[in-house]
Amino acid sequence: MLLHDLILARAKDLPGKTALRRGRESIDFQGLADAVRQVAGGLAALGLEPGDRIGIYLNKRVEAVVS
């Protein structure tokens, strides 16, 4: 099981439960799953395929987890 599988499974079971919180910003599991799918779709549209490696360098933010 990969990390995104855990997020998607949790969104199915507990869509409205808070997944991440940073200061006043928070996102529930459904919003996190939607964002993960959107980023995955964008990467696929750029030609990346499952198993390709990418580097992510972001501060500790929701976007870093989504990526």
N, C-alpha and C. Protein backbone atom coordinates (compact mmCIF):
# COMPACT_ATOMS: atom_id res chain seq x y z
N MET A 1 0.85 -1.18 0.00
CA MET A 1 0.00 0.00 0.00
C MET A 1 0.89 1.24 0.00
N LEU A 2 0.54 2.20 -0.83
CA LEU A 2 1.28 3.45 -0.92
C LEU A 2 0.59 4.54 -0.12
N LEU A 3 1.31 5.62 0.12
CA LEU A 3 0.78 6.71 0.95
C LEU A 3 -0.54 7.24 0.42
N HIS A 4 -0.64 7.45 -0.88
CA HIS A 4 -1.89 8.00 -1.42
C HIS A 4 -3.05 7.02 -1.23
N ASP A 5 -2.76 5.72 -1.20
CA ASP A 5 -3.81 4.74 -0.94
C ASP A 5 -4.40 4.92 0.45
N LEU A 6 -3.56 5.23 1.41
CA LEU A 6 -4.03 5.47 2.78
C LEU A 6 -4.94 6.70 2.84
N ILE A 7 -4.54 7.75 2.14
CA ILE A 7 -5.34 8.98 2.12
C ILE A 7 -6.69 8.72 1.47
N LEU A 8 -6.70 8.02 0.34
CA LEU A 8 -7.95 7.75 -0.37
C LEU A 8 -8.86 6.84 0.44
N ALA A 9 -8.30 5.86 1.12
CA ALA A 9 -9.11 4.97 1.96
C ALA A 9 -9.71 5.73 3.14
N ARG A 10 -8.94 6.59 3.74
CA ARG A 10 -9.44 7.38 4.88
C ARG A 10 -10.54 8.33 4.42
N ALA A 11 -10.40 8.89 3.22
CA ALA A 11 -11.43 9.79 2.69
C ALA A 11 -12.74 9.04 2.46
N LYS A 12 -12.63 7.79 2.08
CA LYS A 12 -13.83 6.98 1.88
C LYS A 12 -14.53 6.70 3.20
N ASP A 13 -13.75 6.44 4.25
CA ASP A 13 -14.30 6.10 5.57
C ASP A 13 -14.71 7.32 6.38
N LEU A 14 -13.92 8.37 6.33
CA LEU A 14 -14.14 9.56 7.18
C LEU A 14 -13.95 10.84 6.38
N PRO A 15 -14.78 11.09 5.38
CA PRO A 15 -14.55 12.22 4.47
C PRO A 15 -14.49 13.59 5.16
N GLY A 16 -15.29 13.81 6.18
CA GLY A 16 -15.34 15.13 6.81
C GLY A 16 -14.40 15.33 7.97
N LYS A 17 -13.68 14.29 8.36
CA LYS A 17 -12.76 14.40 9.49
C LYS A 17 -11.50 15.16 9.07
N THR A 18 -11.00 15.98 9.96
CA THR A 18 -9.80 16.76 9.68
C THR A 18 -8.61 15.85 9.46
N ALA A 19 -7.95 16.04 8.32
CA ALA A 19 -6.78 15.24 7.96
C ALA A 19 -5.49 15.95 8.36
N LEU A 20 -5.44 17.25 8.11
CA LEU A 20 -4.26 18.04 8.40
C LEU A 20 -4.66 19.38 8.99
N ARG A 21 -3.82 19.85 9.87
CA ARG A 21 -4.05 21.17 10.45
C ARG A 21 -2.69 21.83 10.62
N ARG A 22 -2.60 23.06 10.18
CA ARG A 22 -1.39 23.86 10.36
C ARG A 22 -1.84 25.26 10.70
N GLY A 23 -1.64 25.65 11.93
CA GLY A 23 -2.14 26.95 12.37
C GLY A 23 -3.65 27.01 12.23
N ARG A 24 -4.13 27.99 11.52
CA ARG A 24 -5.58 28.13 11.30
C ARG A 24 -6.06 27.39 10.06
N GLU A 25 -5.13 26.88 9.28
CA GLU A 25 -5.46 26.17 8.05
C GLU A 25 -5.71 24.70 8.35
N SER A 26 -6.76 24.14 7.77
CA SER A 26 -7.01 22.71 7.91
C SER A 26 -7.68 22.20 6.64
N ILE A 27 -7.61 20.89 6.47
CA ILE A 27 -8.25 20.24 5.32
C ILE A 27 -8.77 18.89 5.79
N ASP A 28 -9.96 18.55 5.35
CA ASP A 28 -10.51 17.24 5.72
C ASP A 28 -10.02 16.18 4.74
N PHE A 29 -10.30 14.91 5.06
CA PHE A 29 -9.80 13.83 4.23
C PHE A 29 -10.35 13.87 2.81
N GLN A 30 -11.60 14.28 2.64
CA GLN A 30 -12.14 14.35 1.30
C GLN A 30 -11.44 15.43 0.47
N GLY A 31 -11.21 16.58 1.08
CA GLY A 31 -10.49 17.65 0.39
C GLY A 31 -9.06 17.25 0.07
N LEU A 32 -8.43 16.54 1.00
CA LEU A 32 -7.06 16.07 0.77
C LEU A 32 -7.03 15.06 -0.38
N ALA A 33 -7.98 14.13 -0.38
CA ALA A 33 -8.05 13.13 -1.45
C ALA A 33 -8.30 13.79 -2.80
N ASP A 34 -9.18 14.76 -2.83
CA ASP A 34 -9.46 15.48 -4.08
C ASP A 34 -8.21 16.19 -4.59
N ALA A 35 -7.47 16.82 -3.67
CA ALA A 35 -6.25 17.53 -4.05
C ALA A 35 -5.19 16.56 -4.55
N VAL A 36 -5.07 15.40 -3.89
CA VAL A 36 -4.10 14.39 -4.32
C VAL A 36 -4.44 13.91 -5.73
N ARG A 37 -5.72 13.66 -5.99
CA ARG A 37 -6.14 13.23 -7.33
C ARG A 37 -5.84 14.30 -8.38
N GLN A 38 -6.05 15.55 -8.01
CA GLN A 38 -5.81 16.65 -8.94
C GLN A 38 -4.32 16.76 -9.29
N VAL A 39 -3.48 16.67 -8.29
CA VAL A 39 -2.03 16.73 -8.55
C VAL A 39 -1.59 15.53 -9.37
N ALA A 40 -2.09 14.34 -9.04
CA ALA A 40 -1.74 13.14 -9.80
C ALA A 40 -2.17 13.28 -11.26
N GLY A 41 -3.35 13.82 -11.48
CA GLY A 41 -3.82 14.05 -12.85
C GLY A 41 -2.95 15.04 -13.59
N GLY A 42 -2.52 16.08 -12.90
CA GLY A 42 -1.64 17.07 -13.52
C GLY A 42 -0.29 16.48 -13.88
N LEU A 43 0.25 15.66 -12.99
CA LEU A 43 1.54 15.02 -13.28
C LEU A 43 1.41 14.04 -14.45
N ALA A 44 0.29 13.30 -14.48
CA ALA A 44 0.06 12.38 -15.59
C ALA A 44 -0.08 13.14 -16.91
N ALA A 45 -0.73 14.29 -16.86
CA ALA A 45 -0.90 15.11 -18.06
C ALA A 45 0.44 15.63 -18.59
N LEU A 46 1.41 15.74 -17.69
CA LEU A 46 2.76 16.17 -18.09
C LEU A 46 3.59 15.00 -18.63
N GLY A 47 3.02 13.80 -18.58
CA GLY A 47 3.72 12.64 -19.12
C GLY A 47 4.34 11.72 -18.09
N LEU A 48 4.21 12.05 -16.82
CA LEU A 48 4.75 11.15 -15.80
C LEU A 48 3.89 9.90 -15.70
N GLU A 49 4.53 8.80 -15.38
CA GLU A 49 3.84 7.53 -15.27
C GLU A 49 4.08 6.94 -13.89
N PRO A 50 3.21 6.03 -13.44
CA PRO A 50 3.45 5.37 -12.15
C PRO A 50 4.86 4.79 -12.09
N GLY A 51 5.53 5.06 -10.99
CA GLY A 51 6.90 4.59 -10.81
C GLY A 51 7.95 5.63 -11.13
N ASP A 52 7.58 6.69 -11.88
CA ASP A 52 8.53 7.77 -12.14
C ASP A 52 8.82 8.50 -10.84
N ARG A 53 10.01 9.00 -10.72
CA ARG A 53 10.41 9.72 -9.51
C ARG A 53 10.41 11.22 -9.77
N ILE A 54 9.98 11.96 -8.78
CA ILE A 54 10.03 13.41 -8.82
C ILE A 54 10.54 13.91 -7.49
N GLY A 55 11.03 15.12 -7.46
CA GLY A 55 11.48 15.73 -6.22
C GLY A 55 10.53 16.84 -5.82
N ILE A 56 10.20 16.89 -4.54
CA ILE A 56 9.32 17.93 -4.00
C ILE A 56 10.09 18.64 -2.89
N TYR A 57 10.19 19.94 -2.99
CA TYR A 57 10.83 20.72 -1.95
C TYR A 57 9.89 21.86 -1.57
N LEU A 58 9.19 21.68 -0.49
CA LEU A 58 8.25 22.69 0.01
C LEU A 58 8.38 22.81 1.52
N ASN A 59 8.01 23.96 2.03
CA ASN A 59 7.92 24.12 3.48
C ASN A 59 6.86 23.20 4.03
N LYS A 60 6.79 23.06 5.33
CA LYS A 60 5.78 22.22 5.97
C LYS A 60 4.42 22.88 5.80
N ARG A 61 3.72 22.45 4.76
CA ARG A 61 2.42 23.00 4.41
C ARG A 61 1.55 21.88 3.87
N VAL A 62 0.27 22.16 3.76
CA VAL A 62 -0.66 21.20 3.20
C VAL A 62 -0.22 20.79 1.80
N GLU A 63 0.24 21.73 1.01
CA GLU A 63 0.67 21.45 -0.36
C GLU A 63 1.81 20.43 -0.41
N ALA A 64 2.65 20.42 0.60
CA ALA A 64 3.74 19.44 0.63
C ALA A 64 3.18 18.03 0.79
N VAL A 65 2.18 17.87 1.63
CA VAL A 65 1.55 16.56 1.83
C VAL A 65 0.81 16.14 0.56
N VAL A 66 0.09 17.07 -0.04
CA VAL A 66 -0.65 16.77 -1.26
C VAL A 66 0.30 16.30 -2.35
N SER A 67 1.44 16.95 -2.44
CA SER A 67 2.42 16.61 -3.49
C SER A 67 2.98 15.23 -3.27
